[in-house]
Amino acid sequence: MSLYGMMRTGVSGMSAQATRLSTVADNIANSGTTGYKSSKAEFSTLVLPSTGGSYNSGGVTSTIQTSISSQGVLQYTTSTSDLAISGDGFFVVQDSSGAMFLTRAGSFVPDSEGNLVNAAGFKLMGYSYANGTPTVTANGFNGLEAVNVASTSLVATASTSGAYSANLPATATAVAAGSLPSDNVAGSQYTAKTSMVVYDNTGGERMLDVYFTKTGANTWEVAVYDRADATPDTFFPYGTAGDPPLATQTLTFDPTNGQLDTSGFTDITIPVPGGQNLTIDLAGMTELSTGFTTFDAYVNGNPPSSIQQVEISQDGTVYAQYSDGSFRALYRIPLATVQSPDNLQVLPGNVFTQSSGSGSIRLGFPNEGKFGKVVSGALENSNVDVATELTSMIEAQRSYTANSKVFQTGSELMDILVNLKR
């Protein structure tokens, strides 16, 4: 073994411990950083060939490992736009140049344009509901756009779907043809009636009168009219006598249990005046020996309203709640994952990107498969354990000092060797 080799080994040890101290410093400095993942230095030996009774000291090499897959503790906040992931997955974010990255740092707030941006300036990405229910692009970022919750205008949504369920009295007397609600004549008879508020294309309210009339054993007629066409004080006729209703349907019930016969019609489609075709699900209707009772009545759509607040569900759906109390889905946030999260490349801003050792990025929706759930009103704390880091710092300090002693000893022996000729 040469003295130079001994000194080089000491320098190698000091360099490795300095690297370890650097990771400790970063971890302690970021112990309060949302979504930060701690790093540590792993060492491996560097062995040089030796022959006979001669030994050549090698050294030590260091490799940095980041505990990306280790989840931090969730801390709950009062902001619905603060997001955390409970389980596997990463948020997909975008920088100002349009590049996509992964992150667990979910401290999002709206910027001046209404885009949800985290503390490092990265925009949260999601799939829009503007063109219908979104589907995920499993192996790419196509279709993603910045999640924007700006309320710069009023939004109205026409009614297109709904559901209604009630019990129709099985003991009711059948109404004869010629005086049914669908005949639309003065004095038309009916068994039960309800009304529903729906919305046209401009968000205007339309009141629909819905008549249920028993026409025979286990058979009922459903007739729907626009309240605006009703005759004052009497309702019938609507408009001109004999004009057809907006929609009619025949319901048939199973006499053995009073449930709706699903081999027949189970819904009704109504052309809303000034609006869209509204399909109401009637599958929950029953015919039992009791009075007319409404169980549920729901119709989508909303009048012109502005966004009051945003709510985000566990499956990543971003809902806007309007001033009238209604909700509308705006975006759905996907999560991303890779085969080996701990091998992702770490970049400034607490974000990650694909590397040769991590595997390719795959996208999916929260709460599906192995993806975790999104927790609104919470942030993921750093996974740094300060006590462990302080212990590592002391160990690294002692090892650094010991390696410096090796170098110092080698230097002193070199001085002795140089001075032997004197």
Protein backbone atom coordinates (compact mmCIF):
# COMPACT_ATOMS: atom_id res chain seq x y z
CA MET A 1 0.00 0.00 0.00
CA SER A 2 1.36 3.41 -0.96
CA LEU A 3 1.05 6.46 1.26
CA TYR A 4 -0.55 8.26 -1.65
CA GLY A 5 -3.19 5.53 -1.83
CA MET A 6 -3.83 5.89 1.89
CA MET A 7 -4.32 9.63 1.49
CA ARG A 8 -6.61 9.17 -1.52
CA THR A 9 -8.73 6.72 0.51
CA GLY A 10 -9.05 9.31 3.29
CA VAL A 11 -10.13 11.93 0.74
CA SER A 12 -12.67 9.46 -0.69
CA GLY A 13 -14.11 8.92 2.80
CA MET A 14 -14.31 12.65 3.49
CA SER A 15 -16.02 13.25 0.15
CA ALA A 16 -18.58 10.52 0.84
CA GLN A 17 -19.37 11.87 4.30
CA ALA A 18 -19.62 15.41 2.90
CA THR A 19 -22.22 14.10 0.45
CA ARG A 20 -24.08 12.49 3.34
CA LEU A 21 -24.00 15.76 5.26
CA SER A 22 -25.36 17.55 2.19
CA THR A 23 -28.41 15.27 2.08
CA VAL A 24 -28.91 15.77 5.83
CA ALA A 25 -28.76 19.55 5.36
CA ASP A 26 -31.32 19.42 2.53
CA ASN A 27 -33.64 17.16 4.52
CA ILE A 28 -33.57 19.36 7.62
CA ALA A 29 -34.01 22.53 5.55
CA ASN A 30 -37.09 21.00 3.83
CA SER A 31 -38.60 19.32 6.88
CA GLY A 32 -41.51 21.77 6.60
CA THR A 33 -41.85 21.68 2.81
CA THR A 34 -45.17 20.27 1.59
CA GLY A 35 -44.73 16.97 -0.23
CA TYR A 36 -40.93 16.93 0.15
CA LYS A 37 -39.30 13.49 -0.04
CA SER A 38 -36.14 12.89 1.99
CA SER A 39 -32.87 11.75 0.42
CA LYS A 40 -30.02 9.72 1.85
CA ALA A 41 -26.51 8.75 0.77
CA GLU A 42 -25.86 5.05 0.27
CA PHE A 43 -22.21 3.89 0.21
CA SER A 44 -20.46 1.09 -1.69
CA THR A 45 -16.84 0.01 -1.55
CA LEU A 46 -14.27 0.68 -4.26
CA VAL A 47 -11.69 -2.15 -4.21
CA LEU A 48 -8.38 -2.02 -6.09
CA PRO A 49 -6.44 -5.16 -7.15
CA SER A 50 -3.85 -6.37 -4.58
CA THR A 51 -1.06 -8.92 -5.00
CA GLY A 52 0.97 -11.01 -2.52
CA GLY A 53 1.48 -9.24 0.76
CA SER A 54 0.73 -5.83 -0.72
CA TYR A 55 -2.66 -4.22 -0.15
CA ASN A 56 -3.92 -1.29 -2.20
CA SER A 57 -6.60 0.70 -0.46
CA GLY A 58 -9.51 1.70 -2.64
CA GLY A 59 -12.19 3.98 -1.29
CA VAL A 60 -15.92 4.49 -1.13
CA THR A 61 -18.47 5.70 -3.65
CA SER A 62 -21.80 7.26 -2.78
CA THR A 63 -25.24 6.99 -4.41
CA ILE A 64 -28.19 9.21 -3.55
CA GLN A 65 -31.55 7.54 -2.92
CA THR A 66 -34.77 9.52 -2.47
CA SER A 67 -37.67 8.02 -0.50
CA ILE A 68 -40.32 9.13 -3.00
CA SER A 69 -42.64 6.20 -2.30
CA SER A 70 -42.72 6.91 1.43
CA GLN A 71 -45.82 8.95 2.29
CA GLY A 72 -45.75 11.86 4.70
CA VAL A 73 -48.39 12.55 7.34
CA LEU A 74 -51.49 14.42 6.13
CA GLN A 75 -52.13 17.82 7.69
CA TYR A 76 -55.65 19.19 7.33
CA THR A 77 -56.32 22.79 6.30
CA THR A 78 -59.32 25.06 5.70
CA SER A 79 -58.79 25.45 1.94
CA THR A 80 -60.67 23.09 -0.40
CA SER A 81 -58.03 23.63 -3.09
CA ASP A 82 -55.31 22.17 -0.86
CA LEU A 83 -54.93 18.59 -2.08
CA ALA A 84 -53.16 15.53 -0.76
CA ILE A 85 -52.95 11.96 -2.04
CA SER A 86 -53.68 9.14 0.35
CA GLY A 87 -52.00 6.16 -1.27
CA ASP A 88 -50.08 5.79 -4.51
CA GLY A 89 -49.87 8.33 -7.30
CA PHE A 90 -48.72 11.82 -8.22
CA PHE A 91 -50.47 14.96 -9.42
CA VAL A 92 -49.65 15.95 -12.99
CA VAL A 93 -48.48 19.57 -13.17
CA GLN A 94 -47.16 21.86 -15.89
CA ASP A 95 -44.55 24.62 -15.82
CA SER A 96 -44.65 27.92 -17.71
CA SER A 97 -42.98 26.35 -20.76
CA GLY A 98 -45.61 23.62 -21.08
CA ALA A 99 -43.45 20.74 -19.76
CA MET A 100 -45.24 18.11 -17.66
CA PHE A 101 -44.02 16.89 -14.27
CA LEU A 102 -45.19 14.81 -11.31
CA THR A 103 -45.55 16.08 -7.75
CA ARG A 104 -47.07 15.33 -4.36
CA ALA A 105 -47.03 19.01 -3.35
CA GLY A 106 -50.72 19.93 -3.50
CA SER A 107 -50.86 23.44 -2.00
CA PHE A 108 -52.88 24.80 -4.94
CA VAL A 109 -54.45 28.27 -5.08
CA PRO A 110 -56.05 30.12 -8.03
CA ASP A 111 -53.71 32.51 -9.83
CA SER A 112 -54.74 35.76 -11.55
CA GLU A 113 -56.27 33.76 -14.43
CA GLY A 114 -58.07 31.25 -12.21
CA ASN A 115 -55.64 28.36 -12.80
CA LEU A 116 -54.84 26.22 -9.75
CA VAL A 117 -51.11 26.72 -9.08
CA ASN A 118 -48.97 25.31 -6.25
CA ALA A 119 -46.31 27.09 -4.21
CA ALA A 120 -43.62 26.34 -6.80
CA GLY A 121 -45.68 27.85 -9.64
CA PHE A 122 -46.75 24.59 -11.32
CA LYS A 123 -50.29 24.38 -12.75
CA LEU A 124 -52.52 21.45 -11.81
CA MET A 125 -53.67 19.48 -14.87
CA GLY A 126 -56.96 17.67 -15.42
CA TYR A 127 -59.49 16.50 -18.00
CA SER A 128 -62.38 18.86 -18.78
CA TYR A 129 -66.06 17.92 -18.72
CA ALA A 130 -66.74 20.49 -21.48
CA ASN A 131 -67.11 17.74 -24.10
CA GLY A 132 -68.75 15.12 -21.91
CA THR A 133 -67.49 12.68 -19.30
CA PRO A 134 -63.69 12.51 -19.68
CA THR A 135 -61.64 9.36 -20.09
CA VAL A 136 -58.00 9.00 -19.15
CA THR A 137 -55.13 8.72 -21.64
CA ALA A 138 -53.26 5.87 -19.97
CA ASN A 139 -49.85 6.32 -21.60
CA GLY A 140 -49.55 10.02 -22.29
CA PHE A 141 -50.53 13.55 -21.32
CA ASN A 142 -52.82 14.16 -24.31
CA GLY A 143 -56.13 15.81 -23.42
CA LEU A 144 -54.91 17.37 -20.19
CA GLU A 145 -55.46 21.06 -19.56
CA ALA A 146 -54.91 23.45 -16.70
CA VAL A 147 -57.65 23.25 -14.06
CA ASN A 148 -59.30 26.67 -14.13
CA VAL A 149 -61.87 27.75 -11.54
CA ALA A 150 -62.26 31.38 -12.59
CA SER A 151 -65.76 32.83 -12.29
CA THR A 152 -65.74 35.52 -14.97
CA SER A 153 -69.30 35.02 -16.21
CA LEU A 154 -72.65 33.53 -15.35
CA VAL A 155 -73.29 29.93 -16.34
CA ALA A 156 -76.68 28.37 -17.12
CA THR A 157 -77.25 24.69 -17.79
CA ALA A 158 -80.30 23.27 -19.53
CA SER A 159 -82.04 20.28 -17.93
CA THR A 160 -81.36 17.01 -19.74
CA SER A 161 -81.84 14.26 -17.16
CA GLY A 162 -83.66 13.55 -13.95
CA ALA A 163 -85.32 10.93 -11.81
CA TYR A 164 -88.70 10.68 -10.16
CA SER A 165 -90.09 7.98 -7.91
CA ALA A 166 -93.45 7.79 -6.14
CA ASN A 167 -96.13 5.35 -5.11
CA LEU A 168 -99.36 5.29 -7.10
CA PRO A 169 -102.42 4.06 -5.18
CA ALA A 170 -103.35 0.55 -6.32
CA THR A 171 -106.94 1.04 -5.11
CA ALA A 172 -107.58 4.09 -7.34
CA THR A 173 -110.49 4.05 -9.76
CA ALA A 174 -109.63 3.99 -13.45
CA VAL A 175 -110.49 7.10 -15.51
CA ALA A 176 -112.39 6.55 -18.74
CA ALA A 177 -111.01 7.52 -22.12
CA GLY A 178 -112.23 10.90 -23.38
CA SER A 179 -111.54 12.67 -20.12
CA LEU A 180 -107.91 11.70 -19.58
CA PRO A 181 -105.24 14.39 -19.10
CA SER A 182 -103.84 13.44 -22.53
CA ASP A 183 -107.25 14.37 -24.05
CA ASN A 184 -106.67 17.94 -22.79
CA VAL A 185 -110.29 18.94 -22.42
CA ALA A 186 -112.02 21.01 -19.79
CA GLY A 187 -112.72 18.79 -16.82
CA SER A 188 -110.06 16.18 -17.64
CA GLN A 189 -109.71 13.76 -14.74
CA TYR A 190 -106.54 12.42 -13.15
CA THR A 191 -105.48 10.30 -10.19
CA ALA A 192 -102.41 12.17 -8.93
CA LYS A 193 -100.42 15.23 -9.92
CA THR A 194 -96.99 16.68 -9.23
CA SER A 195 -94.96 19.58 -10.62
CA MET A 196 -91.27 19.90 -11.40
CA VAL A 197 -89.04 22.91 -12.06
CA VAL A 198 -86.74 22.46 -15.07
CA TYR A 199 -84.41 24.83 -16.95
CA ASP A 200 -84.30 25.88 -20.60
CA ASN A 201 -81.23 26.77 -22.68
CA THR A 202 -80.88 30.23 -21.11
CA GLY A 203 -81.38 29.02 -17.55
CA GLY A 204 -85.00 30.13 -17.42
CA GLU A 205 -87.26 28.22 -15.07
CA ARG A 206 -90.05 26.16 -16.62
CA MET A 207 -92.75 24.61 -14.49
CA LEU A 208 -93.95 21.25 -15.76
CA ASP A 209 -97.22 19.70 -14.54
CA VAL A 210 -97.03 15.90 -14.44
CA TYR A 211 -100.28 13.90 -14.27
CA PHE A 212 -100.52 10.23 -13.27
CA THR A 213 -103.83 8.65 -14.25
CA LYS A 214 -104.98 5.07 -13.78
CA THR A 215 -106.44 3.81 -17.07
CA GLY A 216 -106.90 0.14 -16.23
CA ALA A 217 -105.70 -2.70 -14.03
CA ASN A 218 -102.03 -2.06 -13.23
CA THR A 219 -101.83 0.46 -16.08
CA TRP A 220 -101.18 4.18 -15.71
CA GLU A 221 -100.88 7.11 -18.09
CA VAL A 222 -98.23 9.80 -17.52
CA ALA A 223 -98.93 13.15 -19.20
CA VAL A 224 -96.73 16.25 -18.98
CA TYR A 225 -97.75 19.85 -19.73
CA ASP A 226 -96.10 23.26 -19.63
CA ARG A 227 -97.65 25.22 -16.74
CA ALA A 228 -97.39 28.41 -18.83
CA ASP A 229 -100.09 27.00 -21.17
CA ALA A 230 -102.55 26.22 -18.37
CA THR A 231 -105.99 27.82 -18.21
CA PRO A 232 -106.10 30.15 -15.16
CA ASP A 233 -107.69 28.59 -12.06
CA THR A 234 -108.64 25.32 -13.83
CA PHE A 235 -105.45 24.23 -15.68
CA PHE A 236 -107.34 22.16 -18.27
CA PRO A 237 -107.28 22.70 -21.14
CA TYR A 238 -103.63 23.63 -21.67
CA GLY A 239 -103.50 26.00 -24.62
CA THR A 240 -106.25 25.04 -27.04
CA ALA A 241 -108.49 22.12 -26.10
CA GLY A 242 -107.30 18.94 -27.77
CA ASP A 243 -103.66 20.05 -28.06
CA PRO A 244 -101.38 17.14 -27.17
CA PRO A 245 -99.23 17.23 -24.03
CA LEU A 246 -95.50 17.74 -24.19
CA ALA A 247 -95.05 14.01 -23.59
CA THR A 248 -97.06 10.95 -22.63
CA GLN A 249 -96.06 7.51 -21.46
CA THR A 250 -97.76 4.32 -20.27
CA LEU A 251 -96.51 2.56 -17.16
CA THR A 252 -97.34 -1.08 -16.40
CA PHE A 253 -96.94 -2.61 -12.95
CA ASP A 254 -96.47 -6.20 -11.83
CA PRO A 255 -99.63 -7.17 -9.87
CA THR A 256 -97.71 -9.69 -7.77
CA ASN A 257 -95.48 -7.11 -6.05
CA GLY A 258 -96.53 -3.64 -7.20
CA GLN A 259 -93.19 -2.91 -8.83
CA LEU A 260 -92.79 -1.31 -12.24
CA ASP A 261 -92.69 -3.89 -15.03
CA THR A 262 -89.23 -3.35 -16.49
CA SER A 263 -90.19 -5.09 -19.73
CA GLY A 264 -92.25 -1.99 -20.50
CA PHE A 265 -91.37 1.72 -20.34
CA THR A 266 -89.30 2.93 -17.39
CA ASP A 267 -88.72 6.55 -18.37
CA ILE A 268 -90.25 9.48 -20.22
CA THR A 269 -88.59 11.99 -22.54
CA ILE A 270 -89.94 15.55 -22.44
CA PRO A 271 -89.05 18.28 -24.96
CA VAL A 272 -88.63 21.25 -22.60
CA PRO A 273 -89.94 24.44 -24.26
CA GLY A 274 -86.91 26.53 -25.21
CA GLY A 275 -84.60 23.82 -23.88
CA GLN A 276 -83.36 20.29 -24.46
CA ASN A 277 -84.96 16.87 -24.39
CA LEU A 278 -85.30 15.93 -20.73
CA THR A 279 -85.27 12.21 -19.88
CA ILE A 280 -86.72 11.37 -16.48
CA ASP A 281 -86.06 7.94 -15.00
CA LEU A 282 -89.26 6.43 -13.55
CA ALA A 283 -87.85 3.04 -12.61
CA GLY A 284 -88.48 3.70 -8.93
CA MET A 285 -92.27 4.01 -9.32
CA THR A 286 -94.51 1.56 -7.41
CA GLU A 287 -98.22 0.70 -7.27
CA LEU A 288 -99.12 -0.31 -3.71
CA SER A 289 -102.28 -0.12 -1.61
CA THR A 290 -101.57 3.22 0.00
CA GLY A 291 -101.85 6.86 -0.97
CA PHE A 292 -99.89 8.84 -3.54
CA THR A 293 -96.46 9.51 -2.03
CA THR A 294 -93.41 11.10 -3.66
CA PHE A 295 -90.08 9.54 -2.65
CA ASP A 296 -87.55 11.37 -4.81
CA ALA A 297 -87.55 14.11 -7.42
CA TYR A 298 -84.37 15.29 -9.14
CA VAL A 299 -83.67 17.23 -12.33
CA ASN A 300 -80.26 18.53 -13.41
CA GLY A 301 -79.57 22.01 -14.80
CA ASN A 302 -79.29 25.39 -13.14
CA PRO A 303 -80.32 29.03 -13.68
CA PRO A 304 -77.69 31.69 -14.51
CA SER A 305 -75.30 31.55 -11.57
CA SER A 306 -71.71 32.41 -10.69
CA ILE A 307 -69.25 30.06 -9.01
CA GLN A 308 -69.34 30.50 -5.24
CA GLN A 309 -66.81 27.83 -4.30
CA VAL A 310 -65.05 24.75 -5.60
CA GLU A 311 -65.24 21.26 -4.12
CA ILE A 312 -63.01 18.33 -5.06
CA SER A 313 -64.11 14.75 -4.41
CA GLN A 314 -61.97 11.71 -3.57
CA ASP A 315 -62.20 10.48 -7.16
CA GLY A 316 -60.60 13.71 -8.39
CA THR A 317 -63.75 15.38 -9.75
CA VAL A 318 -63.66 19.18 -9.45
CA TYR A 319 -67.15 20.55 -8.81
CA ALA A 320 -68.24 24.17 -9.01
CA GLN A 321 -70.95 25.16 -6.55
CA TYR A 322 -73.05 28.02 -7.86
CA SER A 323 -74.89 30.75 -6.00
CA ASP A 324 -78.17 28.84 -6.28
CA GLY A 325 -76.63 25.85 -4.47
CA SER A 326 -76.33 23.63 -7.55
CA PHE A 327 -73.18 21.70 -8.46
CA ARG A 328 -71.52 21.15 -11.83
CA ALA A 329 -68.53 18.94 -12.68
CA LEU A 330 -65.76 20.98 -14.31
CA TYR A 331 -62.69 18.73 -14.40
CA ARG A 332 -61.45 15.36 -13.28
CA ILE A 333 -57.92 15.21 -11.92
CA PRO A 334 -55.88 12.12 -12.89
CA LEU A 335 -53.02 10.58 -10.94
CA ALA A 336 -49.78 9.28 -12.41
CA THR A 337 -47.53 6.43 -11.36
CA VAL A 338 -44.41 4.55 -12.50
CA GLN A 339 -43.01 1.08 -11.86
CA SER A 340 -40.27 2.37 -9.53
CA PRO A 341 -41.19 5.72 -7.94
CA ASP A 342 -37.95 5.90 -5.91
CA ASN A 343 -35.99 6.02 -9.19
CA LEU A 344 -37.78 9.09 -10.55
CA GLN A 345 -35.52 12.01 -11.34
CA VAL A 346 -35.82 14.75 -8.70
CA LEU A 347 -36.01 18.32 -10.02
CA PRO A 348 -36.24 21.77 -8.40
CA GLY A 349 -39.70 22.82 -7.26
CA ASN A 350 -40.44 19.50 -5.54
CA VAL A 351 -41.34 17.81 -8.84
CA PHE A 352 -40.27 14.57 -10.48
CA THR A 353 -39.88 13.30 -14.00
CA GLN A 354 -39.35 9.95 -15.68
CA SER A 355 -35.87 8.43 -15.70
CA SER A 356 -34.37 5.33 -17.28
CA GLY A 357 -34.73 3.46 -13.98
CA SER A 358 -38.24 4.54 -13.03
CA GLY A 359 -40.20 3.00 -15.90
CA SER A 360 -42.78 4.74 -18.05
CA ILE A 361 -45.49 7.01 -16.67
CA ARG A 362 -49.05 5.64 -16.52
CA LEU A 363 -52.15 7.70 -15.77
CA GLY A 364 -55.41 6.72 -14.11
CA PHE A 365 -58.20 8.20 -12.04
CA PRO A 366 -58.10 8.31 -8.22
CA ASN A 367 -59.84 5.52 -6.32
CA GLU A 368 -59.45 3.19 -9.32
CA GLY A 369 -57.11 0.19 -9.33
CA LYS A 370 -53.96 0.84 -7.31
CA PHE A 371 -54.28 4.61 -7.40
CA GLY A 372 -54.87 6.40 -4.10
CA LYS A 373 -57.63 8.86 -3.31
CA VAL A 374 -57.54 12.64 -3.42
CA VAL A 375 -58.08 14.35 -0.06
CA SER A 376 -59.37 17.91 -0.35
CA GLY A 377 -58.51 20.32 2.43
CA ALA A 378 -55.28 18.55 3.35
CA LEU A 379 -51.58 18.67 2.53
CA GLU A 380 -48.95 15.94 2.68
CA ASN A 381 -46.16 16.87 5.07
CA SER A 382 -42.51 16.16 4.39
CA ASN A 383 -41.51 12.58 5.22
CA VAL A 384 -38.32 13.82 6.94
CA ASP A 385 -37.69 12.53 10.48
CA VAL A 386 -35.61 15.31 12.06
CA ALA A 387 -34.38 13.08 14.90
CA THR A 388 -33.03 10.54 12.40
CA GLU A 389 -31.38 13.32 10.40
CA LEU A 390 -29.64 14.74 13.48
CA THR A 391 -28.33 11.26 14.33
CA SER A 392 -27.04 10.86 10.76
CA MET A 393 -25.39 14.27 10.99
CA ILE A 394 -23.44 13.26 14.11
CA GLU A 395 -22.40 9.95 12.51
CA ALA A 396 -21.26 11.71 9.34
CA GLN A 397 -19.34 14.30 11.36
CA ARG A 398 -17.48 11.62 13.30
CA SER A 399 -16.72 9.62 10.16
CA TYR A 400 -15.50 12.75 8.39
CA THR A 401 -13.18 13.52 11.31
CA ALA A 402 -11.83 9.95 11.33
CA ASN A 403 -11.15 10.07 7.59
CA SER A 404 -9.38 13.39 7.99
CA LYS A 405 -7.14 11.73 10.60
CA VAL A 406 -6.25 9.03 8.04
CA PHE A 407 -5.28 11.74 5.56
CA GLN A 408 -3.33 13.64 8.25
CA THR A 409 -1.47 10.50 9.28
CA GLY A 410 -0.57 9.76 5.65
CA SER A 411 0.68 13.30 5.23
CA GLU A 412 2.86 13.03 8.37
CA LEU A 413 4.33 9.71 7.20
CA MET A 414 5.09 11.28 3.83
CA ASP A 415 7.03 14.03 5.61
CA ILE A 416 9.02 11.41 7.52
CA LEU A 417 9.80 9.57 4.26
CA VAL A 418 10.93 12.74 2.51
CA ASN A 419 13.20 13.68 5.43
CA LEU A 420 14.94 10.26 5.65
CA LYS A 421 17.80 11.44 3.40
CA ARG A 422 18.73 14.26 5.73
